[in-house]
Amino acid sequence: MDFKALVLAMSADTYQSLLDTVATGRWADGVQLSDAQKAHTQQLVMAYQAYVLKSTEPYTIGADGQMVVKSKAEMKKQFPQDSSIARFAHDDL
């Protein structure tokens, strides 16, 4: 099985598990990854993002194989400007 076929055959659960492993540097059982395991796991995660997810989220790998980077202005445009979570006057409390 070639690399691309392996990535395309990978389930979403496996991807999520590998993503968590890359983020923590440890397998689910707590064992630390070796340097080679880190490199291979990162490659699998990035390939899955490119081939399967075709993500447009910042700091993921896009369908073209390049990291998706957005400027601060582009990221601000994604969110409404007057999106206050909650505002209270002193008397409201």
PDB file of N, CA and C in Angstrom:
ATOM      1  N   MET A   1       0.864  -1.182   0.000  1.00  0.00           N
ATOM      2  CA  MET A   1       0.000   0.000   0.000  1.00  0.00           C
ATOM      3  C   MET A   1       0.901   1.233   0.000  1.00  0.00           C
ATOM      4  N   ASP A   2       0.634   2.141  -0.885  1.00  0.00           N
ATOM      5  CA  ASP A   2       1.433   3.363  -0.921  1.00  0.00           C
ATOM      6  C   ASP A   2       0.915   4.368   0.119  1.00  0.00           C
ATOM      7  N   PHE A   3       1.693   5.403   0.319  1.00  0.00           N
ATOM      8  CA  PHE A   3       1.405   6.370   1.385  1.00  0.00           C
ATOM      9  C   PHE A   3       0.047   7.041   1.205  1.00  0.00           C
ATOM     10  N   LYS A   4      -0.256   7.509  -0.008  1.00  0.00           N
ATOM     11  CA  LYS A   4      -1.518   8.211  -0.241  1.00  0.00           C
ATOM     12  C   LYS A   4      -2.707   7.281  -0.014  1.00  0.00           C
ATOM     13  N   ALA A   5      -2.606   6.037  -0.454  1.00  0.00           N
ATOM     14  CA  ALA A   5      -3.685   5.067  -0.240  1.00  0.00           C
ATOM     15  C   ALA A   5      -3.878   4.804   1.251  1.00  0.00           C
ATOM     16  N   LEU A   6      -2.779   4.748   1.992  1.00  0.00           N
ATOM     17  CA  LEU A   6      -2.854   4.559   3.441  1.00  0.00           C
ATOM     18  C   LEU A   6      -3.597   5.717   4.093  1.00  0.00           C
ATOM     19  N   VAL A   7      -3.259   6.922   3.701  1.00  0.00           N
ATOM     20  CA  VAL A   7      -3.901   8.113   4.271  1.00  0.00           C
ATOM     21  C   VAL A   7      -5.385   8.141   3.918  1.00  0.00           C
ATOM     22  N   LEU A   8      -5.720   7.842   2.673  1.00  0.00           N
ATOM     23  CA  LEU A   8      -7.118   7.862   2.245  1.00  0.00           C
ATOM     24  C   LEU A   8      -7.942   6.771   2.921  1.00  0.00           C
ATOM     25  N   ALA A   9      -7.303   5.674   3.328  1.00  0.00           N
ATOM     26  CA  ALA A   9      -8.000   4.580   4.002  1.00  0.00           C
ATOM     27  C   ALA A   9      -8.147   4.822   5.507  1.00  0.00           C
ATOM     28  N   MET A  10      -7.459   5.826   6.033  1.00  0.00           N
ATOM     29  CA  MET A  10      -7.480   6.099   7.472  1.00  0.00           C
ATOM     30  C   MET A  10      -8.839   6.652   7.901  1.00  0.00           C
ATOM     31  N   SER A  11      -9.356   6.152   9.020  1.00  0.00           N
ATOM     32  CA  SER A  11     -10.649   6.624   9.527  1.00  0.00           C
ATOM     33  C   SER A  11     -10.489   7.962  10.243  1.00  0.00           C
ATOM     34  N   ALA A  12     -11.605   8.648  10.416  1.00  0.00           N
ATOM     35  CA  ALA A  12     -11.600   9.930  11.129  1.00  0.00           C
ATOM     36  C   ALA A  12     -11.181   9.736  12.583  1.00  0.00           C
ATOM     37  N   ASP A  13     -11.566   8.613  13.188  1.00  0.00           N
ATOM     38  CA  ASP A  13     -11.175   8.334  14.575  1.00  0.00           C
ATOM     39  C   ASP A  13      -9.665   8.148  14.694  1.00  0.00           C
ATOM     40  N   THR A  14      -9.085   7.462  13.731  1.00  0.00           N
ATOM     41  CA  THR A  14      -7.633   7.270  13.729  1.00  0.00           C
ATOM     42  C   THR A  14      -6.925   8.608  13.571  1.00  0.00           C
ATOM     43  N   TYR A  15      -7.429   9.448  12.656  1.00  0.00           N
ATOM     44  CA  TYR A  15      -6.852  10.784  12.473  1.00  0.00           C
ATOM     45  C   TYR A  15      -6.905  11.570  13.779  1.00  0.00           C
ATOM     46  N   GLN A  16      -8.057  11.560  14.448  1.00  0.00           N
ATOM     47  CA  GLN A  16      -8.205  12.322  15.695  1.00  0.00           C
ATOM     48  C   GLN A  16      -7.251  11.806  16.763  1.00  0.00           C
ATOM     49  N   SER A  17      -7.100  10.496  16.833  1.00  0.00           N
ATOM     50  CA  SER A  17      -6.170   9.902  17.788  1.00  0.00           C
ATOM     51  C   SER A  17      -4.732  10.328  17.488  1.00  0.00           C
ATOM     52  N   LEU A  18      -4.358  10.317  16.209  1.00  0.00           N
ATOM     53  CA  LEU A  18      -3.007  10.751  15.830  1.00  0.00           C
ATOM     54  C   LEU A  18      -2.809  12.243  16.079  1.00  0.00           C
ATOM     55  N   LEU A  19      -3.852  13.031  15.849  1.00  0.00           N
ATOM     56  CA  LEU A  19      -3.772  14.469  16.106  1.00  0.00           C
ATOM     57  C   LEU A  19      -3.532  14.733  17.592  1.00  0.00           C
ATOM     58  N   ASP A  20      -4.243  14.010  18.452  1.00  0.00           N
ATOM     59  CA  ASP A  20      -4.038  14.137  19.900  1.00  0.00           C
ATOM     60  C   ASP A  20      -2.628  13.696  20.282  1.00  0.00           C
ATOM     61  N   THR A  21      -2.153  12.641  19.644  1.00  0.00           N
ATOM     62  CA  THR A  21      -0.806  12.134  19.915  1.00  0.00           C
ATOM     63  C   THR A  21       0.251  13.167  19.545  1.00  0.00           C
ATOM     64  N   VAL A  22       0.083  13.808  18.397  1.00  0.00           N
ATOM     65  CA  VAL A  22       1.026  14.851  17.972  1.00  0.00           C
ATOM     66  C   VAL A  22       0.987  16.022  18.949  1.00  0.00           C
ATOM     67  N   ALA A  23      -0.208  16.401  19.390  1.00  0.00           N
ATOM     68  CA  ALA A  23      -0.353  17.554  20.286  1.00  0.00           C
ATOM     69  C   ALA A  23       0.293  17.310  21.644  1.00  0.00           C
ATOM     70  N   THR A  24       0.184  16.085  22.156  1.00  0.00           N
ATOM     71  CA  THR A  24       0.700  15.797  23.496  1.00  0.00           C
ATOM     72  C   THR A  24       2.101  15.204  23.497  1.00  0.00           C
ATOM     73  N   GLY A  25       2.506  14.607  22.362  1.00  0.00           N
ATOM     74  CA  GLY A  25       3.806  13.945  22.317  1.00  0.00           C
ATOM     75  C   GLY A  25       3.796  12.589  22.978  1.00  0.00           C
ATOM     76  N   ARG A  26       2.596  12.078  23.269  1.00  0.00           N
ATOM     77  CA  ARG A  26       2.459  10.775  23.931  1.00  0.00           C
ATOM     78  C   ARG A  26       1.338   9.975  23.284  1.00  0.00           C
ATOM     79  N   TRP A  27       1.513   8.650  23.303  1.00  0.00           N
ATOM     80  CA  TRP A  27       0.440   7.774  22.852  1.00  0.00           C
ATOM     81  C   TRP A  27      -0.691   7.812  23.871  1.00  0.00           C
ATOM     82  N   ALA A  28      -1.818   7.254  23.531  1.00  0.00           N
ATOM     83  CA  ALA A  28      -2.990   7.271  24.417  1.00  0.00           C
ATOM     84  C   ALA A  28      -2.706   6.588  25.753  1.00  0.00           C
ATOM     85  N   ASP A  29      -1.786   5.612  25.772  1.00  0.00           N
ATOM     86  CA  ASP A  29      -1.455   4.920  27.025  1.00  0.00           C
ATOM     87  C   ASP A  29      -0.405   5.663  27.848  1.00  0.00           C
ATOM     88  N   GLY A  30       0.030   6.837  27.374  1.00  0.00           N
ATOM     89  CA  GLY A  30       0.962   7.664  28.132  1.00  0.00           C
ATOM     90  C   GLY A  30       2.420   7.500  27.758  1.00  0.00           C
ATOM     91  N   VAL A  31       2.736   6.554  26.898  1.00  0.00           N
ATOM     92  CA  VAL A  31       4.118   6.326  26.481  1.00  0.00           C
ATOM     93  C   VAL A  31       4.546   7.449  25.539  1.00  0.00           C
ATOM     94  N   GLN A  32       5.735   8.002  25.811  1.00  0.00           N
ATOM     95  CA  GLN A  32       6.248   9.110  25.004  1.00  0.00           C
ATOM     96  C   GLN A  32       6.681   8.621  23.625  1.00  0.00           C
ATOM     97  N   LEU A  33       6.441   9.449  22.601  1.00  0.00           N
ATOM     98  CA  LEU A  33       6.833   9.115  21.230  1.00  0.00           C
ATOM     99  C   LEU A  33       8.334   9.275  21.051  1.00  0.00           C
ATOM    100  N   SER A  34       8.913   8.399  20.245  1.00  0.00           N
ATOM    101  CA  SER A  34      10.317   8.570  19.868  1.00  0.00           C
ATOM    102  C   SER A  34      10.373   9.663  18.800  1.00  0.00           C
ATOM    103  N   ASP A  35      11.565  10.124  18.486  1.00  0.00           N
ATOM    104  CA  ASP A  35      11.704  11.163  17.456  1.00  0.00           C
ATOM    105  C   ASP A  35      11.168  10.683  16.106  1.00  0.00           C
ATOM    106  N   ALA A  36      11.446   9.436  15.756  1.00  0.00           N
ATOM    107  CA  ALA A  36      10.961   8.886  14.485  1.00  0.00           C
ATOM    108  C   ALA A  36       9.437   8.793  14.488  1.00  0.00           C
ATOM    109  N   GLN A  37       8.855   8.368  15.608  1.00  0.00           N
ATOM    110  CA  GLN A  37       7.395   8.276  15.706  1.00  0.00           C
ATOM    111  C   GLN A  37       6.752   9.650  15.583  1.00  0.00           C
ATOM    112  N   LYS A  38       7.370  10.664  16.191  1.00  0.00           N
ATOM    113  CA  LYS A  38       6.846  12.030  16.076  1.00  0.00           C
ATOM    114  C   LYS A  38       6.818  12.475  14.618  1.00  0.00           C
ATOM    115  N   ALA A  39       7.919  12.250  13.925  1.00  0.00           N
ATOM    116  CA  ALA A  39       8.022  12.676  12.528  1.00  0.00           C
ATOM    117  C   ALA A  39       6.987  11.968  11.660  1.00  0.00           C
ATOM    118  N   HIS A  40       6.849  10.655  11.822  1.00  0.00           N
ATOM    119  CA  HIS A  40       5.897   9.894  11.008  1.00  0.00           C
ATOM    120  C   HIS A  40       4.454  10.261  11.342  1.00  0.00           C
ATOM    121  N   THR A  41       4.165  10.464  12.611  1.00  0.00           N
ATOM    122  CA  THR A  41       2.806  10.823  13.019  1.00  0.00           C
ATOM    123  C   THR A  41       2.437  12.201  12.483  1.00  0.00           C
ATOM    124  N   GLN A  42       3.359  13.149  12.546  1.00  0.00           N
ATOM    125  CA  GLN A  42       3.100  14.481  11.990  1.00  0.00           C
ATOM    126  C   GLN A  42       2.862  14.414  10.484  1.00  0.00           C
ATOM    127  N   GLN A  43       3.625  13.589   9.793  1.00  0.00           N
ATOM    128  CA  GLN A  43       3.430  13.431   8.347  1.00  0.00           C
ATOM    129  C   GLN A  43       2.044  12.879   8.042  1.00  0.00           C
ATOM    130  N   LEU A  44       1.600  11.888   8.805  1.00  0.00           N
ATOM    131  CA  LEU A  44       0.269  11.317   8.594  1.00  0.00           C
ATOM    132  C   LEU A  44      -0.824  12.347   8.841  1.00  0.00           C
ATOM    133  N   VAL A  45      -0.692  13.118   9.910  1.00  0.00           N
ATOM    134  CA  VAL A  45      -1.694  14.136  10.238  1.00  0.00           C
ATOM    135  C   VAL A  45      -1.760  15.188   9.134  1.00  0.00           C
ATOM    136  N   MET A  46      -0.612  15.670   8.689  1.00  0.00           N
ATOM    137  CA  MET A  46      -0.593  16.695   7.642  1.00  0.00           C
ATOM    138  C   MET A  46      -1.134  16.146   6.319  1.00  0.00           C
ATOM    139  N   ALA A  47      -0.797  14.908   5.994  1.00  0.00           N
ATOM    140  CA  ALA A  47      -1.292  14.310   4.753  1.00  0.00           C
ATOM    141  C   ALA A  47      -2.806  14.120   4.811  1.00  0.00           C
ATOM    142  N   TYR A  48      -3.336  13.718   5.958  1.00  0.00           N
ATOM    143  CA  TYR A  48      -4.788  13.549   6.104  1.00  0.00           C
ATOM    144  C   TYR A  48      -5.488  14.894   5.932  1.00  0.00           C
ATOM    145  N   GLN A  49      -4.918  15.946   6.518  1.00  0.00           N
ATOM    146  CA  GLN A  49      -5.505  17.282   6.369  1.00  0.00           C
ATOM    147  C   GLN A  49      -5.522  17.697   4.900  1.00  0.00           C
ATOM    148  N   ALA A  50      -4.476  17.372   4.169  1.00  0.00           N
ATOM    149  CA  ALA A  50      -4.385  17.777   2.765  1.00  0.00           C
ATOM    150  C   ALA A  50      -5.269  16.926   1.859  1.00  0.00           C
ATOM    151  N   TYR A  51      -5.201  15.613   1.989  1.00  0.00           N
ATOM    152  CA  TYR A  51      -5.910  14.716   1.071  1.00  0.00           C
ATOM    153  C   TYR A  51      -7.384  14.528   1.408  1.00  0.00           C
ATOM    154  N   VAL A  52      -7.715  14.475   2.699  1.00  0.00           N
ATOM    155  CA  VAL A  52      -9.083  14.125   3.100  1.00  0.00           C
ATOM    156  C   VAL A  52      -9.874  15.353   3.531  1.00  0.00           C
ATOM    157  N   LEU A  53      -9.338  16.121   4.467  1.00  0.00           N
ATOM    158  CA  LEU A  53     -10.091  17.254   5.011  1.00  0.00           C
ATOM    159  C   LEU A  53     -10.135  18.434   4.053  1.00  0.00           C
ATOM    160  N   LYS A  54      -9.073  18.609   3.272  1.00  0.00           N
ATOM    161  CA  LYS A  54      -8.963  19.775   2.381  1.00  0.00           C
ATOM    162  C   LYS A  54      -9.302  21.056   3.158  1.00  0.00           C
ATOM    163  N   SER A  55      -8.677  21.173   4.306  1.00  0.00           N
ATOM    164  CA  SER A  55      -8.979  22.226   5.270  1.00  0.00           C
ATOM    165  C   SER A  55      -8.580  23.612   4.781  1.00  0.00           C
ATOM    166  N   THR A  56      -9.363  24.598   5.174  1.00  0.00           N
ATOM    167  CA  THR A  56      -9.029  26.001   4.925  1.00  0.00           C
ATOM    168  C   THR A  56      -8.795  26.743   6.240  1.00  0.00           C
ATOM    169  N   GLU A  57      -8.756  25.999   7.346  1.00  0.00           N
ATOM    170  CA  GLU A  57      -8.495  26.601   8.648  1.00  0.00           C
ATOM    171  C   GLU A  57      -7.024  27.007   8.734  1.00  0.00           C
ATOM    172  N   PRO A  58      -6.743  28.130   9.399  1.00  0.00           N
ATOM    173  CA  PRO A  58      -5.344  28.552   9.538  1.00  0.00           C
ATOM    174  C   PRO A  58      -4.505  27.501  10.267  1.00  0.00           C
ATOM    175  N   TYR A  59      -3.266  27.390   9.862  1.00  0.00           N
ATOM    176  CA  TYR A  59      -2.268  26.508  10.464  1.00  0.00           C
ATOM    177  C   TYR A  59      -2.591  25.029  10.296  1.00  0.00           C
ATOM    178  N   THR A  60      -3.358  24.688   9.260  1.00  0.00           N
ATOM    179  CA  THR A  60      -3.527  23.303   8.847  1.00  0.00           C
ATOM    180  C   THR A  60      -2.938  23.189   7.443  1.00  0.00           C
ATOM    181  N   ILE A  61      -2.911  21.993   6.919  1.00  0.00           N
ATOM    182  CA  ILE A  61      -2.366  21.778   5.582  1.00  0.00           C
ATOM    183  C   ILE A  61      -3.520  21.746   4.586  1.00  0.00           C
ATOM    184  N   GLY A  62      -3.459  22.616   3.594  1.00  0.00           N
ATOM    185  CA  GLY A  62      -4.512  22.719   2.595  1.00  0.00           C
ATOM    186  C   GLY A  62      -4.397  21.643   1.528  1.00  0.00           C
ATOM    187  N   ALA A  63      -5.371  21.603   0.624  1.00  0.00           N
ATOM    188  CA  ALA A  63      -5.411  20.600  -0.440  1.00  0.00           C
ATOM    189  C   ALA A  63      -4.197  20.682  -1.364  1.00  0.00           C
ATOM    190  N   ASP A  64      -3.566  21.858  -1.434  1.00  0.00           N
ATOM    191  CA  ASP A  64      -2.384  22.012  -2.288  1.00  0.00           C
ATOM    192  C   ASP A  64      -1.093  21.550  -1.607  1.00  0.00           C
ATOM    193  N   GLY A  65      -1.200  21.079  -0.348  1.00  0.00           N
ATOM    194  CA  GLY A  65      -0.034  20.603   0.383  1.00  0.00           C
ATOM    195  C   GLY A  65       0.720  21.685   1.122  1.00  0.00           C
ATOM    196  N   GLN A  66       0.235  22.917   1.071  1.00  0.00           N
ATOM    197  CA  GLN A  66       0.881  24.043   1.746  1.00  0.00           C
ATOM    198  C   GLN A  66       0.121  24.393   3.024  1.00  0.00           C
ATOM    199  N   MET A  67       0.837  24.945   4.004  1.00  0.00           N
ATOM    200  CA  MET A  67       0.182  25.374   5.232  1.00  0.00           C
ATOM    201  C   MET A  67      -0.735  26.555   4.933  1.00  0.00           C
ATOM    202  N   VAL A  68      -1.944  26.494   5.472  1.00  0.00           N
ATOM    203  CA  VAL A  68      -2.905  27.583   5.287  1.00  0.00           C
ATOM    204  C   VAL A  68      -2.534  28.700   6.253  1.00  0.00           C
ATOM    205  N   VAL A  69      -2.249  29.868   5.711  1.00  0.00           N
ATOM    206  CA  VAL A  69      -1.877  31.024   6.520  1.00  0.00           C
ATOM    207  C   VAL A  69      -2.808  32.167   6.140  1.00  0.00           C
ATOM    208  N   LYS A  70      -3.351  32.815   7.146  1.00  0.00           N
ATOM    209  CA  LYS A  70      -4.215  33.969   6.906  1.00  0.00           C
ATOM    210  C   LYS A  70      -3.668  35.152   7.688  1.00  0.00           C
ATOM    211  N   SER A  71      -3.846  36.338   7.131  1.00  0.00           N
ATOM    212  CA  SER A  71      -3.401  37.541   7.823  1.00  0.00           C
ATOM    213  C   SER A  71      -4.352  37.834   8.975  1.00  0.00           C
ATOM    214  N   LYS A  72      -3.919  38.704   9.856  1.00  0.00           N
ATOM    215  CA  LYS A  72      -4.757  39.095  10.988  1.00  0.00           C
ATOM    216  C   LYS A  72      -6.059  39.715  10.491  1.00  0.00           C
ATOM    217  N   ALA A  73      -5.996  40.516   9.440  1.00  0.00           N
ATOM    218  CA  ALA A  73      -7.194  41.156   8.880  1.00  0.00           C
ATOM    219  C   ALA A  73      -8.162  40.111   8.328  1.00  0.00           C
ATOM    220  N   GLU A  74      -7.638  39.093   7.644  1.00  0.00           N
ATOM    221  CA  GLU A  74      -8.495  38.031   7.111  1.00  0.00           C
ATOM    222  C   GLU A  74      -9.175  37.255   8.234  1.00  0.00           C
ATOM    223  N   MET A  75      -8.444  37.018   9.302  1.00  0.00           N
ATOM    224  CA  MET A  75      -9.019  36.278  10.423  1.00  0.00           C
ATOM    225  C   MET A  75     -10.086  37.105  11.134  1.00  0.00           C
ATOM    226  N   LYS A  76      -9.869  38.414  11.240  1.00  0.00           N
ATOM    227  CA  LYS A  76     -10.860  39.280  11.880  1.00  0.00           C
ATOM    228  C   LYS A  76     -12.155  39.328  11.086  1.00  0.00           C
ATOM    229  N   LYS A  77     -12.061  39.244   9.753  1.00  0.00           N
ATOM    230  CA  LYS A  77     -13.248  39.295   8.903  1.00  0.00           C
ATOM    231  C   LYS A  77     -14.178  38.103   9.143  1.00  0.00           C
ATOM    232  N   GLN A  78     -13.642  37.012   9.656  1.00  0.00           N
ATOM    233  CA  GLN A  78     -14.439  35.813   9.881  1.00  0.00           C
ATOM    234  C   GLN A  78     -15.447  35.985  11.010  1.00  0.00           C
ATOM    235  N   PHE A  79     -15.182  36.913  11.909  1.00  0.00           N
ATOM    236  CA  PHE A  79     -16.021  37.065  13.090  1.00  0.00           C
ATOM    237  C   PHE A  79     -16.711  38.418  13.082  1.00  0.00           C
ATOM    238  N   PRO A  80     -17.980  38.475  13.485  1.00  0.00           N
ATOM    239  CA  PRO A  80     -18.679  39.766  13.564  1.00  0.00           C
ATOM    240  C   PRO A  80     -17.969  40.691  14.556  1.00  0.00           C
ATOM    241  N   GLN A  81     -17.935  41.977  14.229  1.00  0.00           N
ATOM    242  CA  GLN A  81     -17.206  42.927  15.068  1.00  0.00           C
ATOM    243  C   GLN A  81     -17.894  43.200  16.402  1.00  0.00           C
ATOM    244  N   ASP A  82     -19.216  43.221  16.418  1.00  0.00           N
ATOM    245  CA  ASP A  82     -19.922  43.516  17.668  1.00  0.00           C
ATOM    246  C   ASP A  82     -20.459  42.229  18.281  1.00  0.00           C
ATOM    247  N   SER A  83     -19.584  41.254  18.444  1.00  0.00           N
ATOM    248  CA  SER A  83     -19.990  39.970  19.008  1.00  0.00           C
ATOM    249  C   SER A  83     -19.607  39.897  20.483  1.00  0.00           C
ATOM    250  N   SER A  84     -20.218  40.747  21.288  1.00  0.00           N
ATOM    251  CA  SER A  84     -19.946  40.745  22.717  1.00  0.00           C
ATOM    252  C   SER A  84     -20.509  39.477  23.336  1.00  0.00           C
ATOM    253  N   ILE A  85     -19.791  38.919  24.244  1.00  0.00           N
ATOM    254  CA  ILE A  85     -20.272  37.728  24.929  1.00  0.00           C
ATOM    255  C   ILE A  85     -21.356  38.127  25.918  1.00  0.00           C
ATOM    256  N   ALA A  86     -21.049  39.067  26.776  1.00  0.00           N
ATOM    257  CA  ALA A  86     -22.036  39.556  27.738  1.00  0.00           C
ATOM    258  C   ALA A  86     -21.553  40.890  28.292  1.00  0.00           C
ATOM    259  N   ARG A  87     -22.468  41.797  28.466  1.00  0.00           N
ATOM    260  CA  ARG A  87     -22.145  43.092  29.069  1.00  0.00           C
ATOM    261  C   ARG A  87     -23.171  43.348  30.161  1.00  0.00           C
ATOM    262  N   PHE A  88     -22.682  43.725  31.321  1.00  0.00           N
ATOM    263  CA  PHE A  88     -23.556  43.987  32.448  1.00  0.00           C
ATOM    264  C   PHE A  88     -23.270  45.365  33.018  1.00  0.00           C
ATOM    265  N   ALA A  89     -24.311  46.045  33.399  1.00  0.00           N
ATOM    266  CA  ALA A  89     -24.158  47.289  34.146  1.00  0.00           C
ATOM    267  C   ALA A  89     -24.003  46.907  35.613  1.00  0.00           C
ATOM    268  N   HIS A  90     -23.487  47.816  36.395  1.00  0.00           N
ATOM    269  CA  HIS A  90     -23.274  47.530  37.811  1.00  0.00           C
ATOM    270  C   HIS A  90     -24.587  47.150  38.502  1.00  0.00           C
ATOM    271  N   ASP A  91     -25.680  47.804  38.134  1.00  0.00           N
ATOM    272  CA  ASP A  91     -26.971  47.530  38.767  1.00  0.00           C
ATOM    273  C   ASP A  91     -27.554  46.176  38.358  1.00  0.00           C
ATOM    274  N   ASP A  92     -27.114  45.619  37.259  1.00  0.00           N
ATOM    275  CA  ASP A  92     -27.621  44.323  36.806  1.00  0.00           C
ATOM    276  C   ASP A  92     -27.137  43.178  37.685  1.00  0.00           C
ATOM    277  N   LEU A  93     -26.039  43.389  38.374  1.00  0.00           N
ATOM    278  CA  LEU A  93     -25.480  42.322  39.193  1.00  0.00           C
ATOM    279  C   LEU A  93     -26.162  42.340  40.509  1.00  0.00           C
TER     280      LEU A  93
END
